[in-house]
Amino acid sequence: MRFLLGVFCSSIGPASYSLISDYFPPSYRSTANSVENAGVYVGAGLSSLCVILIGMFGWRGMYMVCGSIGVLIGLLTLVIIKEPKRGVYDLAT
């Protein structure tokens, strides 16, 4: 499972940077990349709340709560975020 986690996490970076470059003009890309990268650290900080969830629901219940939230966020992402038109902000050569 750790191997698969590494495989999937390593494929997220190039895809997210590609989407950011298609969604944002060059003047906002550094801010967009900063917000995207901050998500890793905010998520790691919020993961310490799992201790509270374990105390309330047990470890199995905590996995169900966190997994349900992840599935909901994934479904919202599929509904809300649309594929951008590619190359809108590319420099003309």
PDB file of N, CA and C in Angstrom:
ATOM      1  N   MET A   1       0.808  -1.186   0.000  1.00  0.00           N
ATOM      2  CA  MET A   1       0.000   0.000   0.000  1.00  0.00           C
ATOM      3  C   MET A   1       0.862   1.266   0.000  1.00  0.00           C
ATOM      4  N   ARG A   2       1.967   1.231   0.721  1.00  0.00           N
ATOM      5  CA  ARG A   2       2.846   2.416   0.719  1.00  0.00           C
ATOM      6  C   ARG A   2       3.433   2.653  -0.666  1.00  0.00           C
ATOM      7  N   PHE A   3       3.754   1.570  -1.357  1.00  0.00           N
ATOM      8  CA  PHE A   3       4.266   1.711  -2.714  1.00  0.00           C
ATOM      9  C   PHE A   3       3.217   2.371  -3.613  1.00  0.00           C
ATOM     10  N   LEU A   4       1.983   1.897  -3.526  1.00  0.00           N
ATOM     11  CA  LEU A   4       0.920   2.476  -4.349  1.00  0.00           C
ATOM     12  C   LEU A   4       0.649   3.928  -3.968  1.00  0.00           C
ATOM     13  N   LEU A   5       0.733   4.238  -2.685  1.00  0.00           N
ATOM     14  CA  LEU A   5       0.569   5.626  -2.262  1.00  0.00           C
ATOM     15  C   LEU A   5       1.639   6.498  -2.913  1.00  0.00           C
ATOM     16  N   GLY A   6       2.869   6.025  -2.933  1.00  0.00           N
ATOM     17  CA  GLY A   6       3.944   6.777  -3.576  1.00  0.00           C
ATOM     18  C   GLY A   6       3.723   6.944  -5.072  1.00  0.00           C
ATOM     19  N   VAL A   7       3.236   5.902  -5.714  1.00  0.00           N
ATOM     20  CA  VAL A   7       2.968   5.972  -7.153  1.00  0.00           C
ATOM     21  C   VAL A   7       1.898   7.021  -7.444  1.00  0.00           C
ATOM     22  N   PHE A   8       0.812   6.978  -6.687  1.00  0.00           N
ATOM     23  CA  PHE A   8      -0.285   7.914  -6.951  1.00  0.00           C
ATOM     24  C   PHE A   8       0.078   9.335  -6.551  1.00  0.00           C
ATOM     25  N   CYS A   9       0.789   9.501  -5.458  1.00  0.00           N
ATOM     26  CA  CYS A   9       1.179  10.852  -5.040  1.00  0.00           C
ATOM     27  C   CYS A   9       2.177  11.471  -6.014  1.00  0.00           C
ATOM     28  N   SER A  10       3.040  10.655  -6.609  1.00  0.00           N
ATOM     29  CA  SER A  10       4.015  11.202  -7.546  1.00  0.00           C
ATOM     30  C   SER A  10       3.360  11.635  -8.855  1.00  0.00           C
ATOM     31  N   SER A  11       2.210  11.087  -9.163  1.00  0.00           N
ATOM     32  CA  SER A  11       1.531  11.491 -10.404  1.00  0.00           C
ATOM     33  C   SER A  11       0.652  12.721 -10.212  1.00  0.00           C
ATOM     34  N   ILE A  12       0.415  13.141  -8.985  1.00  0.00           N
ATOM     35  CA  ILE A  12      -0.445  14.290  -8.732  1.00  0.00           C
ATOM     36  C   ILE A  12       0.245  15.598  -9.118  1.00  0.00           C
ATOM     37  N   GLY A  13       1.530  15.725  -8.817  1.00  0.00           N
ATOM     38  CA  GLY A  13       2.254  16.971  -9.056  1.00  0.00           C
ATOM     39  C   GLY A  13       2.186  17.467 -10.489  1.00  0.00           C
ATOM     40  N   PRO A  14       2.627  16.682 -11.462  1.00  0.00           N
ATOM     41  CA  PRO A  14       2.586  17.164 -12.844  1.00  0.00           C
ATOM     42  C   PRO A  14       1.173  17.500 -13.320  1.00  0.00           C
ATOM     43  N   ALA A  15       0.195  16.704 -12.924  1.00  0.00           N
ATOM     44  CA  ALA A  15      -1.179  16.977 -13.349  1.00  0.00           C
ATOM     45  C   ALA A  15      -1.700  18.271 -12.731  1.00  0.00           C
ATOM     46  N   SER A  16      -1.404  18.505 -11.455  1.00  0.00           N
ATOM     47  CA  SER A  16      -1.905  19.729 -10.817  1.00  0.00           C
ATOM     48  C   SER A  16      -1.213  20.961 -11.381  1.00  0.00           C
ATOM     49  N   TYR A  17       0.074  20.884 -11.654  1.00  0.00           N
ATOM     50  CA  TYR A  17       0.770  22.034 -12.229  1.00  0.00           C
ATOM     51  C   TYR A  17       0.274  22.326 -13.644  1.00  0.00           C
ATOM     52  N   SER A  18      -0.061  21.282 -14.381  1.00  0.00           N
ATOM     53  CA  SER A  18      -0.600  21.474 -15.724  1.00  0.00           C
ATOM     54  C   SER A  18      -1.963  22.152 -15.670  1.00  0.00           C
ATOM     55  N   LEU A  19      -2.813  21.707 -14.742  1.00  0.00           N
ATOM     56  CA  LEU A  19      -4.126  22.339 -14.607  1.00  0.00           C
ATOM     57  C   LEU A  19      -4.009  23.784 -14.144  1.00  0.00           C
ATOM     58  N   ILE A  20      -3.101  24.043 -13.219  1.00  0.00           N
ATOM     59  CA  ILE A  20      -2.913  25.417 -12.733  1.00  0.00           C
ATOM     60  C   ILE A  20      -2.460  26.324 -13.872  1.00  0.00           C
ATOM     61  N   SER A  21      -1.567  25.833 -14.723  1.00  0.00           N
ATOM     62  CA  SER A  21      -1.100  26.676 -15.824  1.00  0.00           C
ATOM     63  C   SER A  21      -2.199  26.935 -16.847  1.00  0.00           C
ATOM     64  N   ASP A  22      -3.206  26.045 -16.934  1.00  0.00           N
ATOM     65  CA  ASP A  22      -4.317  26.274 -17.859  1.00  0.00           C
ATOM     66  C   ASP A  22      -5.445  27.092 -17.237  1.00  0.00           C
ATOM     67  N   TYR A  23      -5.550  27.101 -15.932  1.00  0.00           N
ATOM     68  CA  TYR A  23      -6.609  27.862 -15.261  1.00  0.00           C
ATOM     69  C   TYR A  23      -6.211  29.299 -14.944  1.00  0.00           C
ATOM     70  N   PHE A  24      -4.932  29.556 -14.722  1.00  0.00           N
ATOM     71  CA  PHE A  24      -4.500  30.865 -14.238  1.00  0.00           C
ATOM     72  C   PHE A  24      -3.506  31.516 -15.186  1.00  0.00           C
ATOM     73  N   PRO A  25      -3.599  32.834 -15.353  1.00  0.00           N
ATOM     74  CA  PRO A  25      -2.601  33.544 -16.163  1.00  0.00           C
ATOM     75  C   PRO A  25      -1.264  33.559 -15.423  1.00  0.00           C
ATOM     76  N   PRO A  26      -0.174  33.823 -16.134  1.00  0.00           N
ATOM     77  CA  PRO A  26       1.150  33.788 -15.503  1.00  0.00           C
ATOM     78  C   PRO A  26       1.282  34.680 -14.263  1.00  0.00           C
ATOM     79  N   SER A  27       0.562  35.782 -14.200  1.00  0.00           N
ATOM     80  CA  SER A  27       0.699  36.681 -13.052  1.00  0.00           C
ATOM     81  C   SER A  27       0.118  36.087 -11.765  1.00  0.00           C
ATOM     82  N   TYR A  28      -0.752  35.081 -11.857  1.00  0.00           N
ATOM     83  CA  TYR A  28      -1.365  34.475 -10.668  1.00  0.00           C
ATOM     84  C   TYR A  28      -0.882  33.060 -10.394  1.00  0.00           C
ATOM     85  N   ARG A  29      -0.031  32.528 -11.227  1.00  0.00           N
ATOM     86  CA  ARG A  29       0.381  31.127 -11.074  1.00  0.00           C
ATOM     87  C   ARG A  29       1.164  30.862  -9.803  1.00  0.00           C
ATOM     88  N   SER A  30       2.008  31.797  -9.397  1.00  0.00           N
ATOM     89  CA  SER A  30       2.774  31.549  -8.167  1.00  0.00           C
ATOM     90  C   SER A  30       1.850  31.485  -6.966  1.00  0.00           C
ATOM     91  N   THR A  31       0.821  32.319  -6.934  1.00  0.00           N
ATOM     92  CA  THR A  31      -0.155  32.262  -5.845  1.00  0.00           C
ATOM     93  C   THR A  31      -0.949  30.966  -5.899  1.00  0.00           C
ATOM     94  N   ALA A  32      -1.370  30.575  -7.077  1.00  0.00           N
ATOM     95  CA  ALA A  32      -2.134  29.333  -7.223  1.00  0.00           C
ATOM     96  C   ALA A  32      -1.284  28.124  -6.824  1.00  0.00           C
ATOM     97  N   ASN A  33      -0.023  28.099  -7.220  1.00  0.00           N
ATOM     98  CA  ASN A  33       0.863  27.008  -6.815  1.00  0.00           C
ATOM     99  C   ASN A  33       1.081  27.005  -5.310  1.00  0.00           C
ATOM    100  N   SER A  34       1.176  28.173  -4.696  1.00  0.00           N
ATOM    101  CA  SER A  34       1.357  28.253  -3.243  1.00  0.00           C
ATOM    102  C   SER A  34       0.147  27.698  -2.508  1.00  0.00           C
ATOM    103  N   VAL A  35      -1.038  28.051  -2.975  1.00  0.00           N
ATOM    104  CA  VAL A  35      -2.257  27.538  -2.339  1.00  0.00           C
ATOM    105  C   VAL A  35      -2.345  26.024  -2.508  1.00  0.00           C
ATOM    106  N   GLU A  36      -2.016  25.533  -3.687  1.00  0.00           N
ATOM    107  CA  GLU A  36      -2.060  24.092  -3.933  1.00  0.00           C
ATOM    108  C   GLU A  36      -1.061  23.360  -3.045  1.00  0.00           C
ATOM    109  N   ASN A  37       0.145  23.885  -2.918  1.00  0.00           N
ATOM    110  CA  ASN A  37       1.158  23.245  -2.085  1.00  0.00           C
ATOM    111  C   ASN A  37       0.850  23.372  -0.603  1.00  0.00           C
ATOM    112  N   ALA A  38       0.181  24.435  -0.199  1.00  0.00           N
ATOM    113  CA  ALA A  38      -0.191  24.600   1.209  1.00  0.00           C
ATOM    114  C   ALA A  38      -1.204  23.545   1.637  1.00  0.00           C
ATOM    115  N   GLY A  39      -1.970  23.028   0.692  1.00  0.00           N
ATOM    116  CA  GLY A  39      -2.951  21.996   1.017  1.00  0.00           C
ATOM    117  C   GLY A  39      -2.325  20.767   1.653  1.00  0.00           C
ATOM    118  N   VAL A  40      -1.118  20.430   1.251  1.00  0.00           N
ATOM    119  CA  VAL A  40      -0.420  19.281   1.837  1.00  0.00           C
ATOM    120  C   VAL A  40      -0.180  19.520   3.320  1.00  0.00           C
ATOM    121  N   TYR A  41       0.286  20.702   3.654  1.00  0.00           N
ATOM    122  CA  TYR A  41       0.624  21.000   5.041  1.00  0.00           C
ATOM    123  C   TYR A  41      -0.618  21.232   5.895  1.00  0.00           C
ATOM    124  N   VAL A  42      -1.633  21.842   5.328  1.00  0.00           N
ATOM    125  CA  VAL A  42      -2.894  22.018   6.059  1.00  0.00           C
ATOM    126  C   VAL A  42      -3.528  20.650   6.315  1.00  0.00           C
ATOM    127  N   GLY A  43      -3.500  19.799   5.326  1.00  0.00           N
ATOM    128  CA  GLY A  43      -4.042  18.447   5.501  1.00  0.00           C
ATOM    129  C   GLY A  43      -3.287  17.658   6.553  1.00  0.00           C
ATOM    130  N   ALA A  44      -1.970  17.780   6.561  1.00  0.00           N
ATOM    131  CA  ALA A  44      -1.185  17.089   7.584  1.00  0.00           C
ATOM    132  C   ALA A  44      -1.503  17.635   8.971  1.00  0.00           C
ATOM    133  N   GLY A  45      -1.696  18.940   9.077  1.00  0.00           N
ATOM    134  CA  GLY A  45      -2.049  19.529  10.363  1.00  0.00           C
ATOM    135  C   GLY A  45      -3.430  19.097  10.830  1.00  0.00           C
ATOM    136  N   LEU A  46      -4.378  19.045   9.904  1.00  0.00           N
ATOM    137  CA  LEU A  46      -5.736  18.626  10.260  1.00  0.00           C
ATOM    138  C   LEU A  46      -5.820  17.139  10.577  1.00  0.00           C
ATOM    139  N   SER A  47      -4.858  16.368  10.081  1.00  0.00           N
ATOM    140  CA  SER A  47      -4.898  14.931  10.347  1.00  0.00           C
ATOM    141  C   SER A  47      -4.711  14.626  11.832  1.00  0.00           C
ATOM    142  N   SER A  48      -4.130  15.561  12.581  1.00  0.00           N
ATOM    143  CA  SER A  48      -3.998  15.334  14.015  1.00  0.00           C
ATOM    144  C   SER A  48      -5.364  15.318  14.702  1.00  0.00           C
ATOM    145  N   LEU A  49      -6.391  15.842  14.044  1.00  0.00           N
ATOM    146  CA  LEU A  49      -7.749  15.772  14.585  1.00  0.00           C
ATOM    147  C   LEU A  49      -8.293  14.349  14.579  1.00  0.00           C
ATOM    148  N   CYS A  50      -7.633  13.462  13.843  1.00  0.00           N
ATOM    149  CA  CYS A  50      -8.069  12.065  13.818  1.00  0.00           C
ATOM    150  C   CYS A  50      -7.998  11.440  15.206  1.00  0.00           C
ATOM    151  N   VAL A  51      -7.121  11.928  16.059  1.00  0.00           N
ATOM    152  CA  VAL A  51      -7.036  11.425  17.429  1.00  0.00           C
ATOM    153  C   VAL A  51      -8.357  11.674  18.156  1.00  0.00           C
ATOM    154  N   ILE A  52      -8.944  12.830  17.924  1.00  0.00           N
ATOM    155  CA  ILE A  52     -10.241  13.144  18.535  1.00  0.00           C
ATOM    156  C   ILE A  52     -11.320  12.221  17.973  1.00  0.00           C
ATOM    157  N   LEU A  53     -11.282  11.986  16.652  1.00  0.00           N
ATOM    158  CA  LEU A  53     -12.260  11.094  16.043  1.00  0.00           C
ATOM    159  C   LEU A  53     -12.113   9.667  16.537  1.00  0.00           C
ATOM    160  N   ILE A  54     -10.886   9.217  16.765  1.00  0.00           N
ATOM    161  CA  ILE A  54     -10.668   7.873  17.297  1.00  0.00           C
ATOM    162  C   ILE A  54     -11.273   7.770  18.691  1.00  0.00           C
ATOM    163  N   GLY A  55     -11.105   8.813  19.496  1.00  0.00           N
ATOM    164  CA  GLY A  55     -11.700   8.812  20.825  1.00  0.00           C
ATOM    165  C   GLY A  55     -13.215   8.782  20.782  1.00  0.00           C
ATOM    166  N   MET A  56     -13.812   9.413  19.788  1.00  0.00           N
ATOM    167  CA  MET A  56     -15.272   9.470  19.692  1.00  0.00           C
ATOM    168  C   MET A  56     -15.871   8.221  19.047  1.00  0.00           C
ATOM    169  N   PHE A  57     -15.273   7.741  17.945  1.00  0.00           N
ATOM    170  CA  PHE A  57     -15.880   6.679  17.142  1.00  0.00           C
ATOM    171  C   PHE A  57     -15.082   5.378  17.112  1.00  0.00           C
ATOM    172  N   GLY A  58     -13.875   5.363  17.647  1.00  0.00           N
ATOM    173  CA  GLY A  58     -12.992   4.209  17.480  1.00  0.00           C
ATOM    174  C   GLY A  58     -12.245   4.328  16.158  1.00  0.00           C
ATOM    175  N   TRP A  59     -11.245   3.481  15.972  1.00  0.00           N
ATOM    176  CA  TRP A  59     -10.421   3.643  14.779  1.00  0.00           C
ATOM    177  C   TRP A  59     -11.177   3.268  13.509  1.00  0.00           C
ATOM    178  N   ARG A  60     -12.061   2.297  13.581  1.00  0.00           N
ATOM    179  CA  ARG A  60     -12.835   1.935  12.382  1.00  0.00           C
ATOM    180  C   ARG A  60     -13.797   3.059  11.995  1.00  0.00           C
ATOM    181  N   GLY A  61     -14.434   3.637  12.981  1.00  0.00           N
ATOM    182  CA  GLY A  61     -15.338   4.748  12.720  1.00  0.00           C
ATOM    183  C   GLY A  61     -14.608   5.957  12.160  1.00  0.00           C
ATOM    184  N   MET A  62     -13.383   6.180  12.669  1.00  0.00           N
ATOM    185  CA  MET A  62     -12.578   7.294  12.165  1.00  0.00           C
ATOM    186  C   MET A  62     -12.266   7.093  10.686  1.00  0.00           C
ATOM    187  N   TYR A  63     -11.934   5.865  10.283  1.00  0.00           N
ATOM    188  CA  TYR A  63     -11.683   5.597   8.872  1.00  0.00           C
ATOM    189  C   TYR A  63     -12.937   5.814   8.034  1.00  0.00           C
ATOM    190  N   MET A  64     -14.081   5.452   8.572  1.00  0.00           N
ATOM    191  CA  MET A  64     -15.331   5.667   7.840  1.00  0.00           C
ATOM    192  C   MET A  64     -15.625   7.154   7.683  1.00  0.00           C
ATOM    193  N   VAL A  65     -15.421   7.940   8.731  1.00  0.00           N
ATOM    194  CA  VAL A  65     -15.670   9.387   8.659  1.00  0.00           C
ATOM    195  C   VAL A  65     -14.712  10.034   7.660  1.00  0.00           C
ATOM    196  N   CYS A  66     -13.424   9.753   7.802  1.00  0.00           N
ATOM    197  CA  CYS A  66     -12.432  10.367   6.905  1.00  0.00           C
ATOM    198  C   CYS A  66     -12.622   9.892   5.464  1.00  0.00           C
ATOM    199  N   GLY A  67     -12.923   8.614   5.277  1.00  0.00           N
ATOM    200  CA  GLY A  67     -13.157   8.094   3.934  1.00  0.00           C
ATOM    201  C   GLY A  67     -14.386   8.699   3.290  1.00  0.00           C
ATOM    202  N   SER A  68     -15.443   8.868   4.078  1.00  0.00           N
ATOM    203  CA  SER A  68     -16.667   9.482   3.550  1.00  0.00           C
ATOM    204  C   SER A  68     -16.424  10.923   3.126  1.00  0.00           C
ATOM    205  N   ILE A  69     -15.668  11.651   3.938  1.00  0.00           N
ATOM    206  CA  ILE A  69     -15.335  13.034   3.579  1.00  0.00           C
ATOM    207  C   ILE A  69     -14.520  13.056   2.289  1.00  0.00           C
ATOM    208  N   GLY A  70     -13.574  12.144   2.162  1.00  0.00           N
ATOM    209  CA  GLY A  70     -12.763  12.072   0.949  1.00  0.00           C
ATOM    210  C   GLY A  70     -13.575  11.751  -0.287  1.00  0.00           C
ATOM    211  N   VAL A  71     -14.520  10.827  -0.160  1.00  0.00           N
ATOM    212  CA  VAL A  71     -15.380  10.478  -1.295  1.00  0.00           C
ATOM    213  C   VAL A  71     -16.253  11.668  -1.682  1.00  0.00           C
ATOM    214  N   LEU A  72     -16.807  12.362  -0.688  1.00  0.00           N
ATOM    215  CA  LEU A  72     -17.627  13.538  -0.981  1.00  0.00           C
ATOM    216  C   LEU A  72     -16.824  14.631  -1.686  1.00  0.00           C
ATOM    217  N   ILE A  73     -15.618  14.889  -1.209  1.00  0.00           N
ATOM    218  CA  ILE A  73     -14.772  15.898  -1.850  1.00  0.00           C
ATOM    219  C   ILE A  73     -14.425  15.472  -3.271  1.00  0.00           C
ATOM    220  N   GLY A  74     -14.152  14.184  -3.474  1.00  0.00           N
ATOM    221  CA  GLY A  74     -13.867  13.690  -4.814  1.00  0.00           C
ATOM    222  C   GLY A  74     -15.039  13.858  -5.759  1.00  0.00           C
ATOM    223  N   LEU A  75     -16.239  13.547  -5.272  1.00  0.00           N
ATOM    224  CA  LEU A  75     -17.427  13.720  -6.113  1.00  0.00           C
ATOM    225  C   LEU A  75     -17.686  15.190  -6.424  1.00  0.00           C
ATOM    226  N   LEU A  76     -17.514  16.053  -5.425  1.00  0.00           N
ATOM    227  CA  LEU A  76     -17.669  17.493  -5.670  1.00  0.00           C
ATOM    228  C   LEU A  76     -16.658  17.990  -6.697  1.00  0.00           C
ATOM    229  N   THR A  77     -15.443  17.471  -6.619  1.00  0.00           N
ATOM    230  CA  THR A  77     -14.408  17.855  -7.572  1.00  0.00           C
ATOM    231  C   THR A  77     -14.801  17.461  -8.991  1.00  0.00           C
ATOM    232  N   LEU A  78     -15.336  16.254  -9.137  1.00  0.00           N
ATOM    233  CA  LEU A  78     -15.764  15.806 -10.465  1.00  0.00           C
ATOM    234  C   LEU A  78     -16.897  16.661 -11.019  1.00  0.00           C
ATOM    235  N   VAL A  79     -17.770  17.141 -10.150  1.00  0.00           N
ATOM    236  CA  VAL A  79     -18.918  17.932 -10.583  1.00  0.00           C
ATOM    237  C   VAL A  79     -18.529  19.384 -10.849  1.00  0.00           C
ATOM    238  N   ILE A  80     -17.721  19.967  -9.972  1.00  0.00           N
ATOM    239  CA  ILE A  80     -17.442  21.404 -10.020  1.00  0.00           C
ATOM    240  C   ILE A  80     -16.332  21.764 -11.000  1.00  0.00           C
ATOM    241  N   ILE A  81     -15.233  21.033 -10.974  1.00  0.00           N
ATOM    242  CA  ILE A  81     -14.070  21.400 -11.790  1.00  0.00           C
ATOM    243  C   ILE A  81     -14.202  20.781 -13.170  1.00  0.00           C
ATOM    244  N   LYS A  82     -14.201  21.629 -14.170  1.00  0.00           N
ATOM    245  CA  LYS A  82     -14.293  21.186 -15.559  1.00  0.00           C
ATOM    246  C   LYS A  82     -12.920  21.273 -16.220  1.00  0.00           C
ATOM    247  N   GLU A  83     -12.748  20.498 -17.256  1.00  0.00           N
ATOM    248  CA  GLU A  83     -11.485  20.502 -17.998  1.00  0.00           C
ATOM    249  C   GLU A  83     -11.316  21.861 -18.678  1.00  0.00           C
ATOM    250  N   PRO A  84     -10.212  22.553 -18.400  1.00  0.00           N
ATOM    251  CA  PRO A  84     -10.015  23.867 -19.014  1.00  0.00           C
ATOM    252  C   PRO A  84      -9.568  23.732 -20.469  1.00  0.00           C
ATOM    253  N   LYS A  85      -9.760  24.807 -21.198  1.00  0.00           N
ATOM    254  CA  LYS A  85      -9.240  24.853 -22.560  1.00  0.00           C
ATOM    255  C   LYS A  85      -7.718  24.952 -22.466  1.00  0.00           C
ATOM    256  N   ARG A  86      -7.043  24.098 -23.163  1.00  0.00           N
ATOM    257  CA  ARG A  86      -5.583  24.012 -23.060  1.00  0.00           C
ATOM    258  C   ARG A  86      -4.903  25.130 -23.834  1.00  0.00           C
ATOM    259  N   GLY A  87      -3.838  25.667 -23.249  1.00  0.00           N
ATOM    260  CA  GLY A  87      -2.996  26.629 -23.932  1.00  0.00           C
ATOM    261  C   GLY A  87      -3.523  28.036 -24.022  1.00  0.00           C
ATOM    262  N   VAL A  88      -4.532  28.381 -23.238  1.00  0.00           N
ATOM    263  CA  VAL A  88      -5.105  29.723 -23.311  1.00  0.00           C
ATOM    264  C   VAL A  88      -4.067  30.772 -22.914  1.00  0.00           C
ATOM    265  N   TYR A  89      -3.272  30.459 -21.912  1.00  0.00           N
ATOM    266  CA  TYR A  89      -2.305  31.441 -21.399  1.00  0.00           C
ATOM    267  C   TYR A  89      -0.884  31.189 -21.907  1.00  0.00           C
ATOM    268  N   ASP A  90      -0.714  30.307 -22.884  1.00  0.00           N
ATOM    269  CA  ASP A  90       0.613  30.086 -23.451  1.00  0.00           C
ATOM    270  C   ASP A  90       1.051  31.300 -24.243  1.00  0.00           C
ATOM    271  N   LEU A  91       2.327  31.574 -24.202  1.00  0.00           N
ATOM    272  CA  LEU A  91       2.854  32.704 -24.962  1.00  0.00           C
ATOM    273  C   LEU A  91       2.899  32.355 -26.440  1.00  0.00           C
ATOM    274  N   ALA A  92       2.498  33.287 -27.256  1.00  0.00           N
ATOM    275  CA  ALA A  92       2.551  33.073 -28.710  1.00  0.00           C
ATOM    276  C   ALA A  92       3.991  33.093 -29.169  1.00  0.00           C
ATOM    277  N   THR A  93       4.355  32.104 -29.947  1.00  0.00           N
ATOM    278  CA  THR A  93       5.739  32.063 -30.457  1.00  0.00           C
ATOM    279  C   THR A  93       5.779  32.267 -31.937  1.00  0.00           C
TER     280      THR A  93
END
